[in-house]
């Protein structure tokens, strides 16, 4: 199963943005994250739509923070990226008439829903400044 690393990538970029005094281009972000500039732009556009970053065009253009990291939680970014499930485990639906499948799915769903609720509550308690607090200055070429 493929991992969804959008949250960790977005957090990585946001902390870098906090450490620089000038906008960072999508090309530079893409190099930092080992991805395509289009992927970086799409991700950042989701964050811009929620007011966490802003973009500027032109020679000195790029992406910069629109809010302080102490105003943004992990939950905020998770929601901005589409509020997808935090687990890659899925329930089966191949044998919809099977009572065993229904029992297994019900037990898994209850446990995953409870675990997800606890995890998302914790995400709401962690601000991005807590993640990047140990860094005073880093280069955005990473």
N, C-alpha and C. Protein backbone atom coordinates (compact mmCIF):
# COMPACT_ATOMS: atom_id res chain seq x y z
N UNK A 1 0.84 -1.18 0.00
CA UNK A 1 0.00 0.00 0.00
C UNK A 1 0.89 1.25 0.00
N UNK A 2 0.50 2.20 -0.77
CA UNK A 2 1.28 3.43 -0.91
C UNK A 2 1.02 4.36 0.27
N UNK A 3 2.11 4.95 0.78
CA UNK A 3 1.99 5.92 1.87
C UNK A 3 1.62 7.29 1.31
N UNK A 4 0.84 8.03 2.07
CA UNK A 4 0.51 9.41 1.72
C UNK A 4 1.42 10.31 2.54
N UNK A 5 2.41 10.89 1.88
CA UNK A 5 3.39 11.71 2.59
C UNK A 5 3.14 13.20 2.43
N UNK A 6 1.96 13.58 1.95
CA UNK A 6 1.67 15.00 1.74
C UNK A 6 1.77 15.82 3.02
N UNK A 7 1.29 15.28 4.13
CA UNK A 7 1.34 16.03 5.39
C UNK A 7 2.79 16.29 5.80
N UNK A 8 3.62 15.28 5.82
CA UNK A 8 5.00 15.49 6.25
C UNK A 8 5.74 16.40 5.27
N UNK A 9 5.44 16.29 3.98
CA UNK A 9 6.08 17.17 2.99
C UNK A 9 5.65 18.63 3.19
N UNK A 10 4.36 18.83 3.42
CA UNK A 10 3.86 20.19 3.63
C UNK A 10 4.46 20.79 4.90
N UNK A 11 4.54 20.01 5.97
CA UNK A 11 5.14 20.50 7.21
C UNK A 11 6.60 20.86 7.00
N UNK A 12 7.31 20.01 6.28
CA UNK A 12 8.71 20.26 5.95
C UNK A 12 8.87 21.63 5.27
N UNK A 13 8.06 21.85 4.24
CA UNK A 13 8.13 23.10 3.49
C UNK A 13 7.76 24.30 4.36
N UNK A 14 6.72 24.19 5.15
CA UNK A 14 6.28 25.31 5.98
C UNK A 14 7.36 25.72 6.98
N UNK A 15 8.04 24.76 7.55
CA UNK A 15 9.11 25.09 8.50
C UNK A 15 10.27 25.75 7.77
N UNK A 16 10.59 25.27 6.56
CA UNK A 16 11.62 25.94 5.76
C UNK A 16 11.21 27.38 5.44
N UNK A 17 9.95 27.58 5.07
CA UNK A 17 9.49 28.93 4.76
C UNK A 17 9.67 29.86 5.95
N UNK A 18 9.48 29.33 7.13
CA UNK A 18 9.63 30.14 8.33
C UNK A 18 11.10 30.53 8.57
N UNK A 19 12.00 29.78 8.02
CA UNK A 19 13.43 30.00 8.26
C UNK A 19 14.08 30.89 7.21
N UNK A 20 13.32 31.32 6.24
CA UNK A 20 13.90 32.15 5.19
C UNK A 20 13.22 33.52 5.17
N UNK A 21 13.95 34.49 4.72
CA UNK A 21 13.42 35.85 4.69
C UNK A 21 12.93 36.27 3.31
N UNK A 22 12.92 35.33 2.37
CA UNK A 22 12.43 35.65 1.03
C UNK A 22 11.56 34.51 0.52
N UNK A 23 10.68 34.80 -0.44
CA UNK A 23 9.81 33.75 -0.98
C UNK A 23 10.62 32.60 -1.59
N UNK A 24 10.06 31.41 -1.52
CA UNK A 24 10.71 30.22 -2.06
C UNK A 24 9.91 29.77 -3.28
N UNK A 25 10.62 29.54 -4.38
CA UNK A 25 9.94 29.14 -5.61
C UNK A 25 9.48 27.68 -5.55
N UNK A 26 8.52 27.36 -6.40
CA UNK A 26 8.04 25.98 -6.50
C UNK A 26 9.16 25.06 -6.96
N UNK A 27 10.03 25.55 -7.82
CA UNK A 27 11.16 24.75 -8.29
C UNK A 27 12.08 24.38 -7.14
N UNK A 28 12.35 25.34 -6.28
CA UNK A 28 13.22 25.08 -5.14
C UNK A 28 12.57 24.11 -4.16
N UNK A 29 11.27 24.29 -3.95
CA UNK A 29 10.54 23.37 -3.07
C UNK A 29 10.57 21.96 -3.64
N UNK A 30 10.34 21.85 -4.94
CA UNK A 30 10.33 20.54 -5.58
C UNK A 30 11.68 19.85 -5.42
N UNK A 31 12.76 20.60 -5.59
CA UNK A 31 14.10 20.02 -5.40
C UNK A 31 14.29 19.57 -3.95
N UNK A 32 13.80 20.36 -3.01
CA UNK A 32 13.91 20.04 -1.59
C UNK A 32 13.17 18.75 -1.26
N UNK A 33 12.03 18.55 -1.90
CA UNK A 33 11.17 17.41 -1.60
C UNK A 33 11.33 16.24 -2.58
N UNK A 34 12.23 16.41 -3.54
CA UNK A 34 12.46 15.38 -4.56
C UNK A 34 11.17 15.04 -5.30
N UNK A 35 10.50 16.09 -5.76
CA UNK A 35 9.25 15.91 -6.49
C UNK A 35 9.22 16.89 -7.66
N UNK A 36 8.10 17.00 -8.29
CA UNK A 36 7.89 17.85 -9.44
C UNK A 36 7.37 19.22 -8.99
N UNK A 37 7.77 20.31 -9.63
CA UNK A 37 7.26 21.64 -9.26
C UNK A 37 5.74 21.75 -9.32
N UNK A 38 5.10 21.02 -10.22
CA UNK A 38 3.64 21.05 -10.31
C UNK A 38 3.02 20.48 -9.03
N UNK A 39 3.61 19.41 -8.50
CA UNK A 39 3.13 18.82 -7.26
C UNK A 39 3.30 19.83 -6.12
N UNK A 40 4.44 20.50 -6.08
CA UNK A 40 4.67 21.51 -5.04
C UNK A 40 3.64 22.63 -5.15
N UNK A 41 3.39 23.11 -6.36
CA UNK A 41 2.41 24.20 -6.56
C UNK A 41 1.00 23.77 -6.14
N UNK A 42 0.61 22.56 -6.51
CA UNK A 42 -0.73 22.08 -6.14
C UNK A 42 -0.89 21.99 -4.62
N UNK A 43 0.12 21.48 -3.97
CA UNK A 43 0.07 21.36 -2.52
C UNK A 43 0.02 22.75 -1.88
N UNK A 44 0.86 23.64 -2.34
CA UNK A 44 0.90 24.98 -1.77
C UNK A 44 -0.39 25.74 -2.06
N UNK A 45 -1.01 25.48 -3.20
CA UNK A 45 -2.29 26.13 -3.52
C UNK A 45 -3.37 25.73 -2.51
N UNK A 46 -3.36 24.48 -2.08
CA UNK A 46 -4.31 24.05 -1.05
C UNK A 46 -4.09 24.82 0.25
N UNK A 47 -2.83 25.03 0.59
CA UNK A 47 -2.50 25.77 1.81
C UNK A 47 -2.82 27.26 1.66
N UNK A 48 -2.62 27.77 0.46
CA UNK A 48 -2.96 29.18 0.19
C UNK A 48 -4.46 29.39 0.31
N UNK A 49 -5.25 28.45 -0.21
CA UNK A 49 -6.70 28.56 -0.15
C UNK A 49 -7.21 28.67 1.29
N UNK A 50 -6.47 28.13 2.24
CA UNK A 50 -6.86 28.17 3.65
C UNK A 50 -6.17 29.31 4.41
N UNK A 51 -5.35 30.11 3.70
CA UNK A 51 -4.74 31.28 4.30
C UNK A 51 -3.45 31.03 5.07
N UNK A 52 -2.80 29.89 4.87
CA UNK A 52 -1.57 29.58 5.60
C UNK A 52 -0.32 30.09 4.88
N UNK A 53 -0.39 30.18 3.56
CA UNK A 53 0.72 30.70 2.77
C UNK A 53 0.18 31.68 1.74
N UNK A 54 1.08 32.41 1.13
CA UNK A 54 0.72 33.32 0.03
C UNK A 54 1.76 33.14 -1.07
N UNK A 55 1.37 33.53 -2.25
CA UNK A 55 2.30 33.44 -3.38
C UNK A 55 2.44 34.82 -4.01
N UNK A 56 3.60 35.02 -4.57
CA UNK A 56 3.84 36.26 -5.29
C UNK A 56 4.52 35.92 -6.61
N UNK A 57 4.20 36.68 -7.63
CA UNK A 57 4.73 36.43 -8.96
C UNK A 57 5.91 37.36 -9.22
N UNK A 58 6.62 37.07 -10.28
CA UNK A 58 7.69 37.95 -10.70
C UNK A 58 9.08 37.43 -10.35
N UNK A 59 10.05 38.29 -10.60
CA UNK A 59 11.47 37.93 -10.44
C UNK A 59 11.80 37.45 -9.03
N UNK A 60 11.28 38.09 -8.02
CA UNK A 60 11.54 37.69 -6.64
C UNK A 60 10.35 36.97 -6.02
N UNK A 61 9.53 36.35 -6.87
CA UNK A 61 8.31 35.71 -6.42
C UNK A 61 8.55 34.34 -5.82
N UNK A 62 7.48 33.78 -5.33
CA UNK A 62 7.51 32.46 -4.72
C UNK A 62 6.48 32.37 -3.61
N UNK A 63 6.69 31.41 -2.72
CA UNK A 63 5.76 31.14 -1.63
C UNK A 63 6.33 31.62 -0.32
N UNK A 64 5.47 32.17 0.52
CA UNK A 64 5.88 32.60 1.86
C UNK A 64 4.72 32.35 2.82
N UNK A 65 5.03 32.37 4.09
CA UNK A 65 4.01 32.15 5.11
C UNK A 65 3.06 33.35 5.20
N UNK A 66 1.79 33.07 5.38
CA UNK A 66 0.79 34.11 5.59
C UNK A 66 0.40 34.18 7.06
N UNK A 67 0.74 33.13 7.81
CA UNK A 67 0.47 33.07 9.25
C UNK A 67 1.72 32.62 9.97
N UNK A 68 1.80 32.97 11.20
CA UNK A 68 2.90 32.53 12.05
C UNK A 68 2.72 31.04 12.35
N UNK A 69 3.83 30.32 12.49
CA UNK A 69 3.76 28.89 12.77
C UNK A 69 3.05 28.58 14.08
N UNK A 70 3.06 29.51 15.02
CA UNK A 70 2.37 29.24 16.29
C UNK A 70 0.85 29.35 16.15
N UNK A 71 0.36 29.79 14.99
CA UNK A 71 -1.07 29.88 14.72
C UNK A 71 -1.58 28.69 13.89
N UNK A 72 -0.68 27.78 13.52
CA UNK A 72 -1.04 26.67 12.64
C UNK A 72 -0.77 25.35 13.35
N UNK A 73 -1.76 24.46 13.35
CA UNK A 73 -1.57 23.15 13.96
C UNK A 73 -1.40 22.08 12.88
N UNK A 74 -0.96 20.91 13.32
CA UNK A 74 -0.88 19.77 12.41
C UNK A 74 -2.27 19.46 11.84
N UNK A 75 -3.28 19.59 12.68
CA UNK A 75 -4.65 19.33 12.24
C UNK A 75 -5.07 20.31 11.15
N UNK A 76 -4.69 21.57 11.30
CA UNK A 76 -5.01 22.57 10.27
C UNK A 76 -4.47 22.14 8.91
N UNK A 77 -3.23 21.72 8.88
CA UNK A 77 -2.60 21.34 7.62
C UNK A 77 -3.20 20.04 7.10
N UNK A 78 -3.45 19.10 7.98
CA UNK A 78 -4.11 17.84 7.58
C UNK A 78 -5.44 18.15 6.89
N UNK A 79 -6.23 19.02 7.47
CA UNK A 79 -7.52 19.39 6.89
C UNK A 79 -7.34 20.13 5.57
N UNK A 80 -6.37 21.04 5.50
CA UNK A 80 -6.13 21.82 4.28
C UNK A 80 -5.74 20.92 3.11
N UNK A 81 -5.09 19.81 3.41
CA UNK A 81 -4.66 18.89 2.36
C UNK A 81 -5.74 17.91 1.94
N UNK A 82 -6.90 18.02 2.53
CA UNK A 82 -8.01 17.19 2.09
C UNK A 82 -8.58 16.29 3.14
N UNK A 83 -8.06 16.36 4.36
CA UNK A 83 -8.67 15.63 5.49
C UNK A 83 -8.84 14.15 5.19
N UNK A 84 -7.86 13.57 4.50
CA UNK A 84 -7.95 12.14 4.18
C UNK A 84 -7.70 11.31 5.43
N UNK A 85 -7.99 10.03 5.32
CA UNK A 85 -7.77 9.13 6.45
C UNK A 85 -6.29 9.11 6.81
N UNK A 86 -6.00 9.03 8.08
CA UNK A 86 -4.61 8.98 8.51
C UNK A 86 -4.06 7.56 8.43
N UNK A 87 -4.90 6.61 8.12
CA UNK A 87 -4.48 5.22 8.01
C UNK A 87 -4.61 4.73 6.57
N UNK A 88 -3.67 3.91 6.16
CA UNK A 88 -3.76 3.32 4.83
C UNK A 88 -4.45 1.97 4.86
N UNK A 89 -4.80 1.50 6.04
CA UNK A 89 -5.52 0.23 6.17
C UNK A 89 -6.95 0.44 5.67
N UNK A 90 -7.41 -0.46 4.84
CA UNK A 90 -8.76 -0.34 4.32
C UNK A 90 -9.62 -1.54 4.68
N UNK A 91 -10.90 -1.34 4.60
CA UNK A 91 -11.84 -2.43 4.85
C UNK A 91 -12.16 -3.10 3.53
N UNK A 92 -12.43 -4.38 3.57
CA UNK A 92 -12.76 -5.10 2.36
C UNK A 92 -14.25 -5.00 2.07
N UNK A 93 -14.59 -5.01 0.80
CA UNK A 93 -15.99 -4.99 0.41
C UNK A 93 -16.24 -5.96 -0.75
N UNK A 94 -15.42 -6.99 -0.80
CA UNK A 94 -15.51 -7.95 -1.89
C UNK A 94 -16.61 -8.98 -1.68
N UNK A 95 -16.97 -9.25 -0.43
CA UNK A 95 -17.97 -10.27 -0.12
C UNK A 95 -19.08 -9.64 0.73
N UNK A 96 -19.85 -8.78 0.11
CA UNK A 96 -20.83 -7.99 0.86
C UNK A 96 -21.93 -8.81 1.53
N UNK A 97 -22.12 -10.04 1.12
CA UNK A 97 -23.15 -10.89 1.74
C UNK A 97 -22.59 -11.75 2.87
N UNK A 98 -21.32 -11.67 3.12
CA UNK A 98 -20.68 -12.54 4.10
C UNK A 98 -20.75 -11.92 5.51
N UNK A 99 -21.33 -12.64 6.46
CA UNK A 99 -21.45 -12.11 7.82
C UNK A 99 -20.10 -12.01 8.52
N UNK A 100 -19.14 -12.84 8.14
CA UNK A 100 -17.78 -12.77 8.71
C UNK A 100 -17.13 -11.45 8.28
N UNK A 101 -17.25 -11.12 6.99
CA UNK A 101 -16.69 -9.86 6.50
C UNK A 101 -17.32 -8.68 7.23
N UNK A 102 -18.60 -8.69 7.45
CA UNK A 102 -19.29 -7.61 8.17
C UNK A 102 -18.75 -7.48 9.60
N UNK A 103 -18.56 -8.60 10.26
CA UNK A 103 -18.06 -8.58 11.65
C UNK A 103 -16.63 -8.06 11.69
N UNK A 104 -15.80 -8.53 10.77
CA UNK A 104 -14.40 -8.08 10.72
C UNK A 104 -14.35 -6.58 10.42
N UNK A 105 -15.09 -6.14 9.43
CA UNK A 105 -15.10 -4.72 9.07
C UNK A 105 -15.59 -3.84 10.21
N UNK A 106 -16.61 -4.30 10.92
CA UNK A 106 -17.15 -3.52 12.03
C UNK A 106 -16.10 -3.36 13.14
N UNK A 107 -15.42 -4.45 13.46
CA UNK A 107 -14.40 -4.39 14.51
C UNK A 107 -13.24 -3.49 14.08
N UNK A 108 -12.78 -3.64 12.85
CA UNK A 108 -11.68 -2.80 12.35
C UNK A 108 -12.08 -1.33 12.29
N UNK A 109 -13.29 -1.08 11.80
CA UNK A 109 -13.75 0.31 11.67
C UNK A 109 -13.83 0.98 13.03
N UNK A 110 -14.40 0.31 14.00
CA UNK A 110 -14.50 0.89 15.35
C UNK A 110 -13.11 1.22 15.90
N UNK A 111 -12.19 0.28 15.80
CA UNK A 111 -10.84 0.50 16.33
C UNK A 111 -10.13 1.61 15.57
N UNK A 112 -10.24 1.63 14.24
CA UNK A 112 -9.56 2.67 13.45
C UNK A 112 -10.19 4.04 13.69
N UNK A 113 -11.50 4.10 13.81
CA UNK A 113 -12.17 5.38 14.09
C UNK A 113 -11.71 5.94 15.44
N UNK A 114 -11.62 5.07 16.44
CA UNK A 114 -11.17 5.51 17.76
C UNK A 114 -9.72 5.99 17.72
N UNK A 115 -8.86 5.24 17.06
CA UNK A 115 -7.45 5.61 16.96
C UNK A 115 -7.29 6.92 16.18
N UNK A 116 -8.04 7.06 15.09
CA UNK A 116 -7.97 8.27 14.29
C UNK A 116 -8.44 9.49 15.10
N UNK A 117 -9.49 9.32 15.88
CA UNK A 117 -10.00 10.41 16.71
C UNK A 117 -8.94 10.88 17.71
N UNK A 118 -8.26 9.93 18.33
CA UNK A 118 -7.20 10.26 19.29
C UNK A 118 -6.05 10.98 18.59
N UNK A 119 -5.64 10.45 17.43
CA UNK A 119 -4.53 11.04 16.68
C UNK A 119 -4.86 12.46 16.21
N UNK A 120 -6.05 12.65 15.67
CA UNK A 120 -6.42 13.98 15.18
C UNK A 120 -6.55 14.98 16.33
N UNK A 121 -7.02 14.53 17.48
CA UNK A 121 -7.07 15.42 18.65
C UNK A 121 -5.66 15.86 19.02
N UNK A 122 -4.73 14.93 18.97
CA UNK A 122 -3.33 15.26 19.28
C UNK A 122 -2.76 16.21 18.22
N UNK A 123 -3.09 15.99 16.95
CA UNK A 123 -2.67 16.90 15.87
C UNK A 123 -3.12 18.33 16.18
N UNK A 124 -4.30 18.48 16.74
CA UNK A 124 -4.83 19.80 17.07
C UNK A 124 -4.08 20.49 18.20
N UNK A 125 -3.32 19.74 18.96
CA UNK A 125 -2.56 20.30 20.09
C UNK A 125 -1.14 20.71 19.71
N UNK A 126 -0.68 20.30 18.54
CA UNK A 126 0.71 20.54 18.15
C UNK A 126 0.76 21.65 17.10
N UNK A 127 1.42 22.75 17.46
CA UNK A 127 1.59 23.84 16.50
C UNK A 127 2.90 23.64 15.75
N UNK A 128 2.97 24.25 14.57
CA UNK A 128 4.14 24.06 13.72
C UNK A 128 5.40 24.67 14.33
N UNK A 129 5.23 25.70 15.15
CA UNK A 129 6.43 26.27 15.79
C UNK A 129 7.06 25.27 16.75
N UNK A 130 6.27 24.34 17.29
CA UNK A 130 6.82 23.30 18.15
C UNK A 130 7.68 22.33 17.35
N UNK A 131 7.32 22.11 16.09
CA UNK A 131 8.10 21.22 15.24
C UNK A 131 9.43 21.86 14.84
N UNK A 132 9.39 23.13 14.50
CA UNK A 132 10.58 23.80 14.01
C UNK A 132 11.32 24.58 15.07
N UNK A 133 10.90 24.46 16.31
CA UNK A 133 11.49 25.25 17.39
C UNK A 133 12.96 25.03 17.63
N UNK A 134 13.47 23.86 17.27
CA UNK A 134 14.88 23.58 17.53
C UNK A 134 15.81 24.20 16.49
N UNK A 135 15.24 24.75 15.43
CA UNK A 135 16.06 25.32 14.38
C UNK A 135 16.04 26.84 14.48
N UNK A 136 17.19 27.44 14.42
CA UNK A 136 17.23 28.90 14.42
C UNK A 136 17.38 29.46 13.02
N UNK A 137 18.14 28.77 12.18
CA UNK A 137 18.28 29.21 10.78
C UNK A 137 18.79 28.04 9.97
N UNK A 138 18.13 27.77 8.88
CA UNK A 138 18.60 26.75 7.97
C UNK A 138 18.47 27.28 6.56
N UNK A 139 19.22 26.71 5.66
CA UNK A 139 19.14 27.10 4.26
C UNK A 139 17.98 26.35 3.61
N UNK A 140 17.32 26.98 2.64
CA UNK A 140 16.21 26.33 1.96
C UNK A 140 16.68 25.50 0.78
N UNK A 141 17.97 25.29 0.65
CA UNK A 141 18.47 24.48 -0.46
C UNK A 141 18.39 22.99 -0.14
N UNK A 142 18.01 22.63 1.05
CA UNK A 142 17.91 21.24 1.48
C UNK A 142 16.87 20.49 0.71
